[in-house]
Amino acid sequence: MIDQEKVRQAVRLFLEGIGEDVSREGLKDTPDRIARMCEELFAGMQENAAAHLSKRFDAQHGQMVLETDIPFYSMCEHHLLPFFGKAHIAYIPDGEVVGLSKLARTVEVFARRAQLQERLTGQIADALYSELHPKGVAVMLEAEHMCMSMRGVQKAGSRTVTIERRGQLESDEGLYRSFMELIHMRGR
């Protein structure tokens, strides 16, 4: 649970630290707004992805299931600035499938935390692999990081791509190539 009073105190100190008057009209309610915002942005801290993946359906379908362009928003733990993009998830079922919305919910659980993109990619892959027990999993995230776009090197539009693979999608290069080809074909 987010300690809203600590967040409000921290925001007041931050605003004072950058030379702002915390009592002025535009800022007097900002600490409270930020505390409420943190409840939403970091909601994944209180959630367990396994809960979303627990309802599965029998399916003798053994071909790759691919869901692309799942939007996500997260906060870089180094600068507390947003990074956002799209997740692409594939898995090869082994007798069971999960509802497609559950893949998006799994992304959301891990994205709604202070994160590194590399860790986020691995957490999604690990959750799917350990909970669904598929033959293989692949996760690709493509994201723009505000810590690169609006500060530092200021390279707006640059994307960071991270990939994690488990099981057959890690060991079988042909399956992995199929995953990559399907992702690149989207939108055509």
C-alpha atoms as a PDB file:
ATOM      1  CA  MET A   1       0.000   0.000   0.000  1.00  0.00           C
ATOM      2  CA  ILE A   2       1.276   3.447  -0.899  1.00  0.00           C
ATOM      3  CA  ASP A   3       1.921   5.655   2.130  1.00  0.00           C
ATOM      4  CA  GLN A   4       0.181   8.746   0.784  1.00  0.00           C
ATOM      5  CA  GLU A   5       1.278  10.997   3.639  1.00  0.00           C
ATOM      6  CA  LYS A   6       4.951  10.213   3.009  1.00  0.00           C
ATOM      7  CA  VAL A   7       4.452  10.903  -0.693  1.00  0.00           C
ATOM      8  CA  ARG A   8       2.770  14.259   0.079  1.00  0.00           C
ATOM      9  CA  GLN A   9       5.637  15.215   2.419  1.00  0.00           C
ATOM     10  CA  ALA A  10       8.230  14.212  -0.179  1.00  0.00           C
ATOM     11  CA  VAL A  11       6.515  16.232  -2.913  1.00  0.00           C
ATOM     12  CA  ARG A  12       6.360  19.306  -0.674  1.00  0.00           C
ATOM     13  CA  LEU A  13      10.090  18.965   0.079  1.00  0.00           C
ATOM     14  CA  PHE A  14      10.879  18.413  -3.597  1.00  0.00           C
ATOM     15  CA  LEU A  15       8.948  21.524  -4.652  1.00  0.00           C
ATOM     16  CA  GLU A  16      10.669  23.580  -1.966  1.00  0.00           C
ATOM     17  CA  GLY A  17      14.008  22.087  -3.040  1.00  0.00           C
ATOM     18  CA  ILE A  18      13.619  23.345  -6.615  1.00  0.00           C
ATOM     19  CA  GLY A  19      12.698  26.804  -5.324  1.00  0.00           C
ATOM     20  CA  GLU A  20       8.916  26.683  -5.630  1.00  0.00           C
ATOM     21  CA  ASP A  21       6.378  28.182  -3.265  1.00  0.00           C
ATOM     22  CA  VAL A  22       4.278  25.180  -2.200  1.00  0.00           C
ATOM     23  CA  SER A  23       1.484  27.469  -1.025  1.00  0.00           C
ATOM     24  CA  ARG A  24       0.897  29.161  -4.381  1.00  0.00           C
ATOM     25  CA  GLU A  25      -2.402  28.538  -6.196  1.00  0.00           C
ATOM     26  CA  GLY A  26      -1.150  26.078  -8.823  1.00  0.00           C
ATOM     27  CA  LEU A  27       0.888  23.970  -6.397  1.00  0.00           C
ATOM     28  CA  LYS A  28      -1.094  23.865  -3.164  1.00  0.00           C
ATOM     29  CA  ASP A  29      -2.958  20.672  -4.151  1.00  0.00           C
ATOM     30  CA  THR A  30      -0.069  19.112  -6.085  1.00  0.00           C
ATOM     31  CA  PRO A  31       1.235  16.939  -3.205  1.00  0.00           C
ATOM     32  CA  ASP A  32      -2.201  15.353  -2.847  1.00  0.00           C
ATOM     33  CA  ARG A  33      -2.572  14.882  -6.617  1.00  0.00           C
ATOM     34  CA  ILE A  34       0.845  13.208  -6.819  1.00  0.00           C
ATOM     35  CA  ALA A  35       0.027  10.899  -3.885  1.00  0.00           C
ATOM     36  CA  ARG A  36      -3.189   9.784  -5.625  1.00  0.00           C
ATOM     37  CA  MET A  37      -1.319   9.387  -8.918  1.00  0.00           C
ATOM     38  CA  CYS A  38       1.223   7.095  -7.218  1.00  0.00           C
ATOM     39  CA  GLU A  39      -1.615   4.762  -6.196  1.00  0.00           C
ATOM     40  CA  GLU A  40      -2.324   4.266  -9.891  1.00  0.00           C
ATOM     41  CA  LEU A  41       1.198   4.335 -11.351  1.00  0.00           C
ATOM     42  CA  PHE A  42       2.599   1.870  -8.828  1.00  0.00           C
ATOM     43  CA  ALA A  43      -0.487  -0.348  -8.383  1.00  0.00           C
ATOM     44  CA  GLY A  44       1.505  -3.356  -9.595  1.00  0.00           C
ATOM     45  CA  MET A  45       3.399  -3.393  -6.304  1.00  0.00           C
ATOM     46  CA  GLN A  46       0.268  -4.807  -4.651  1.00  0.00           C
ATOM     47  CA  GLU A  47      -0.644  -7.290  -7.408  1.00  0.00           C
ATOM     48  CA  ASN A  48       0.413 -10.831  -8.172  1.00  0.00           C
ATOM     49  CA  ALA A  49       0.543 -11.703 -11.877  1.00  0.00           C
ATOM     50  CA  ALA A  50      -0.150 -15.349 -11.080  1.00  0.00           C
ATOM     51  CA  ALA A  51      -3.711 -14.416 -10.112  1.00  0.00           C
ATOM     52  CA  HIS A  52      -4.392 -13.285 -13.676  1.00  0.00           C
ATOM     53  CA  LEU A  53      -2.873 -16.422 -15.185  1.00  0.00           C
ATOM     54  CA  SER A  54      -4.613 -18.955 -12.949  1.00  0.00           C
ATOM     55  CA  LYS A  55      -7.756 -19.386 -15.092  1.00  0.00           C
ATOM     56  CA  ARG A  56      -6.826 -21.528 -18.050  1.00  0.00           C
ATOM     57  CA  PHE A  57      -8.720 -23.476 -20.659  1.00  0.00           C
ATOM     58  CA  ASP A  58      -8.066 -26.918 -22.107  1.00  0.00           C
ATOM     59  CA  ALA A  59      -6.794 -26.684 -25.648  1.00  0.00           C
ATOM     60  CA  GLN A  60      -4.992 -29.246 -27.685  1.00  0.00           C
ATOM     61  CA  HIS A  61      -3.730 -26.407 -29.839  1.00  0.00           C
ATOM     62  CA  GLY A  62       0.044 -26.721 -29.983  1.00  0.00           C
ATOM     63  CA  GLN A  63       0.882 -23.835 -32.281  1.00  0.00           C
ATOM     64  CA  MET A  64       2.286 -20.486 -31.229  1.00  0.00           C
ATOM     65  CA  VAL A  65      -0.133 -17.956 -29.727  1.00  0.00           C
ATOM     66  CA  LEU A  66       1.016 -14.399 -30.403  1.00  0.00           C
ATOM     67  CA  GLU A  67      -0.385 -11.150 -29.057  1.00  0.00           C
ATOM     68  CA  THR A  68       1.274  -7.990 -30.331  1.00  0.00           C
ATOM     69  CA  ASP A  69       1.196  -4.277 -29.663  1.00  0.00           C
ATOM     70  CA  ILE A  70       0.077  -4.463 -26.028  1.00  0.00           C
ATOM     71  CA  PRO A  71       0.567  -0.877 -24.816  1.00  0.00           C
ATOM     72  CA  PHE A  72       2.307  -0.353 -21.489  1.00  0.00           C
ATOM     73  CA  TYR A  73       3.483   2.545 -19.337  1.00  0.00           C
ATOM     74  CA  SER A  74       6.070   2.254 -16.607  1.00  0.00           C
ATOM     75  CA  MET A  75       8.393   4.407 -14.505  1.00  0.00           C
ATOM     76  CA  CYS A  76      12.167   4.209 -14.812  1.00  0.00           C
ATOM     77  CA  GLU A  77      13.565   3.457 -11.377  1.00  0.00           C
ATOM     78  CA  HIS A  78      16.708   5.483 -12.100  1.00  0.00           C
ATOM     79  CA  HIS A  79      15.049   8.833 -12.866  1.00  0.00           C
ATOM     80  CA  LEU A  80      11.363   8.306 -11.981  1.00  0.00           C
ATOM     81  CA  LEU A  81      10.457   9.341 -15.497  1.00  0.00           C
ATOM     82  CA  PRO A  82       8.080   7.345 -17.685  1.00  0.00           C
ATOM     83  CA  PHE A  83       8.989   4.839 -20.326  1.00  0.00           C
ATOM     84  CA  PHE A  84       6.283   3.479 -22.550  1.00  0.00           C
ATOM     85  CA  GLY A  85       5.794   1.307 -25.559  1.00  0.00           C
ATOM     86  CA  LYS A  86       4.424  -1.987 -26.759  1.00  0.00           C
ATOM     87  CA  ALA A  87       4.818  -5.564 -25.625  1.00  0.00           C
ATOM     88  CA  HIS A  88       4.743  -8.564 -27.944  1.00  0.00           C
ATOM     89  CA  ILE A  89       4.138 -11.947 -26.316  1.00  0.00           C
ATOM     90  CA  ALA A  90       4.194 -15.441 -27.768  1.00  0.00           C
ATOM     91  CA  TYR A  91       3.783 -18.799 -26.113  1.00  0.00           C
ATOM     92  CA  ILE A  92       3.420 -22.365 -27.274  1.00  0.00           C
ATOM     93  CA  PRO A  93       0.663 -24.013 -25.233  1.00  0.00           C
ATOM     94  CA  ASP A  94       1.057 -27.459 -23.740  1.00  0.00           C
ATOM     95  CA  GLY A  95      -2.588 -28.493 -23.366  1.00  0.00           C
ATOM     96  CA  GLU A  96      -3.867 -25.215 -21.885  1.00  0.00           C
ATOM     97  CA  VAL A  97      -4.363 -21.637 -23.007  1.00  0.00           C
ATOM     98  CA  VAL A  98      -5.137 -18.480 -21.090  1.00  0.00           C
ATOM     99  CA  GLY A  99      -7.579 -15.737 -22.042  1.00  0.00           C
ATOM    100  CA  LEU A 100      -5.862 -13.155 -24.238  1.00  0.00           C
ATOM    101  CA  SER A 101      -6.724 -10.298 -21.880  1.00  0.00           C
ATOM    102  CA  LYS A 102      -4.688 -12.076 -19.199  1.00  0.00           C
ATOM    103  CA  LEU A 103      -1.514 -11.529 -21.213  1.00  0.00           C
ATOM    104  CA  ALA A 104      -2.170  -7.785 -21.218  1.00  0.00           C
ATOM    105  CA  ARG A 105      -2.987  -7.855 -17.499  1.00  0.00           C
ATOM    106  CA  THR A 106       0.302  -9.630 -16.790  1.00  0.00           C
ATOM    107  CA  VAL A 107       2.198  -6.889 -18.630  1.00  0.00           C
ATOM    108  CA  GLU A 108       0.288  -4.278 -16.619  1.00  0.00           C
ATOM    109  CA  VAL A 109       1.069  -5.859 -13.232  1.00  0.00           C
ATOM    110  CA  PHE A 110       4.816  -5.662 -13.809  1.00  0.00           C
ATOM    111  CA  ALA A 111       4.779  -2.332 -15.674  1.00  0.00           C
ATOM    112  CA  ARG A 112       3.010  -0.590 -12.774  1.00  0.00           C
ATOM    113  CA  ARG A 113       6.160  -0.627 -10.630  1.00  0.00           C
ATOM    114  CA  ALA A 114       9.426   1.308 -10.543  1.00  0.00           C
ATOM    115  CA  GLN A 115      11.205  -0.651 -13.250  1.00  0.00           C
ATOM    116  CA  LEU A 116      14.017  -1.299 -15.651  1.00  0.00           C
ATOM    117  CA  GLN A 117      12.883  -2.412 -19.092  1.00  0.00           C
ATOM    118  CA  GLU A 118      15.268  -5.352 -18.997  1.00  0.00           C
ATOM    119  CA  ARG A 119      13.805  -6.598 -15.709  1.00  0.00           C
ATOM    120  CA  LEU A 120      10.233  -5.968 -16.866  1.00  0.00           C
ATOM    121  CA  THR A 121      10.778  -8.148 -19.937  1.00  0.00           C
ATOM    122  CA  GLY A 122      12.185 -10.987 -17.828  1.00  0.00           C
ATOM    123  CA  GLN A 123       9.439 -10.773 -15.203  1.00  0.00           C
ATOM    124  CA  ILE A 124       6.735 -11.120 -17.854  1.00  0.00           C
ATOM    125  CA  ALA A 125       8.508 -14.079 -19.487  1.00  0.00           C
ATOM    126  CA  ASP A 126       9.130 -15.787 -16.135  1.00  0.00           C
ATOM    127  CA  ALA A 127       5.517 -15.376 -14.985  1.00  0.00           C
ATOM    128  CA  LEU A 128       4.126 -16.817 -18.209  1.00  0.00           C
ATOM    129  CA  TYR A 129       6.603 -19.695 -18.232  1.00  0.00           C
ATOM    130  CA  SER A 130       6.110 -20.657 -14.593  1.00  0.00           C
ATOM    131  CA  GLU A 131       2.327 -20.220 -14.468  1.00  0.00           C
ATOM    132  CA  LEU A 132       1.184 -21.504 -17.871  1.00  0.00           C
ATOM    133  CA  HIS A 133       3.778 -24.291 -18.176  1.00  0.00           C
ATOM    134  CA  PRO A 134       3.971 -23.770 -21.949  1.00  0.00           C
ATOM    135  CA  LYS A 135       6.480 -25.385 -24.252  1.00  0.00           C
ATOM    136  CA  GLY A 136       8.012 -21.975 -24.850  1.00  0.00           C
ATOM    137  CA  VAL A 137       7.651 -18.223 -24.269  1.00  0.00           C
ATOM    138  CA  ALA A 138       9.046 -15.139 -25.980  1.00  0.00           C
ATOM    139  CA  VAL A 139       8.537 -11.552 -24.867  1.00  0.00           C
ATOM    140  CA  MET A 140       9.696  -8.450 -26.728  1.00  0.00           C
ATOM    141  CA  LEU A 141       9.287  -4.924 -25.402  1.00  0.00           C
ATOM    142  CA  GLU A 142       9.831  -1.814 -27.515  1.00  0.00           C
ATOM    143  CA  ALA A 143       9.841   1.423 -25.525  1.00  0.00           C
ATOM    144  CA  GLU A 144      10.732   5.087 -25.535  1.00  0.00           C
ATOM    145  CA  HIS A 145      12.340   6.333 -22.334  1.00  0.00           C
ATOM    146  CA  MET A 146      11.680   9.899 -21.241  1.00  0.00           C
ATOM    147  CA  CYS A 147      15.023   9.877 -19.410  1.00  0.00           C
ATOM    148  CA  MET A 148      16.617   9.758 -22.892  1.00  0.00           C
ATOM    149  CA  SER A 149      14.047  11.876 -24.710  1.00  0.00           C
ATOM    150  CA  MET A 150      13.583  14.905 -22.477  1.00  0.00           C
ATOM    151  CA  ARG A 151      16.846  15.001 -20.489  1.00  0.00           C
ATOM    152  CA  GLY A 152      20.404  13.767 -20.881  1.00  0.00           C
ATOM    153  CA  VAL A 153      21.105  13.022 -24.550  1.00  0.00           C
ATOM    154  CA  GLN A 154      17.623  14.315 -25.543  1.00  0.00           C
ATOM    155  CA  LYS A 155      17.035  11.843 -28.367  1.00  0.00           C
ATOM    156  CA  ALA A 156      13.238  11.810 -28.695  1.00  0.00           C
ATOM    157  CA  GLY A 157      11.842   8.887 -30.620  1.00  0.00           C
ATOM    158  CA  SER A 158      14.688   6.479 -29.898  1.00  0.00           C
ATOM    159  CA  ARG A 159      13.466   3.021 -28.915  1.00  0.00           C
ATOM    160  CA  THR A 160      14.917   0.397 -26.654  1.00  0.00           C
ATOM    161  CA  VAL A 161      14.131  -3.217 -27.540  1.00  0.00           C
ATOM    162  CA  THR A 162      14.487  -6.062 -25.053  1.00  0.00           C
ATOM    163  CA  ILE A 163      13.777  -9.749 -25.645  1.00  0.00           C
ATOM    164  CA  GLU A 164      13.479 -12.703 -23.287  1.00  0.00           C
ATOM    165  CA  ARG A 165      12.925 -16.310 -24.349  1.00  0.00           C
ATOM    166  CA  ARG A 166      12.162 -19.491 -22.446  1.00  0.00           C
ATOM    167  CA  GLY A 167      11.813 -23.166 -23.415  1.00  0.00           C
ATOM    168  CA  GLN A 168      11.423 -24.027 -27.096  1.00  0.00           C
ATOM    169  CA  LEU A 169      11.350 -20.370 -28.111  1.00  0.00           C
ATOM    170  CA  GLU A 170      14.843 -20.111 -26.625  1.00  0.00           C
ATOM    171  CA  SER A 171      16.275 -23.381 -27.884  1.00  0.00           C
ATOM    172  CA  ASP A 172      14.661 -23.616 -31.336  1.00  0.00           C
ATOM    173  CA  GLU A 173      15.991 -20.863 -33.606  1.00  0.00           C
ATOM    174  CA  GLY A 174      13.359 -21.679 -36.264  1.00  0.00           C
ATOM    175  CA  LEU A 175      10.522 -21.004 -33.820  1.00  0.00           C
ATOM    176  CA  TYR A 176      12.244 -17.818 -32.661  1.00  0.00           C
ATOM    177  CA  ARG A 177      12.601 -16.651 -36.289  1.00  0.00           C
ATOM    178  CA  SER A 178       8.876 -17.305 -36.780  1.00  0.00           C
ATOM    179  CA  PHE A 179       8.132 -15.142 -33.724  1.00  0.00           C
ATOM    180  CA  MET A 180      10.280 -12.329 -35.098  1.00  0.00           C
ATOM    181  CA  GLU A 181       8.791 -12.595 -38.605  1.00  0.00           C
ATOM    182  CA  LEU A 182       5.247 -12.459 -37.247  1.00  0.00           C
ATOM    183  CA  ILE A 183       6.060  -9.348 -35.218  1.00  0.00           C
ATOM    184  CA  HIS A 184       7.617  -7.637 -38.226  1.00  0.00           C
ATOM    185  CA  MET A 185       4.631  -8.531 -40.434  1.00  0.00           C
ATOM    186  CA  ARG A 186       2.082  -6.836 -38.143  1.00  0.00           C
ATOM    187  CA  GLY A 187       0.390  -3.815 -39.593  1.00  0.00           C
ATOM    188  CA  ARG A 188       1.130  -4.739 -43.191  1.00  0.00           C
END
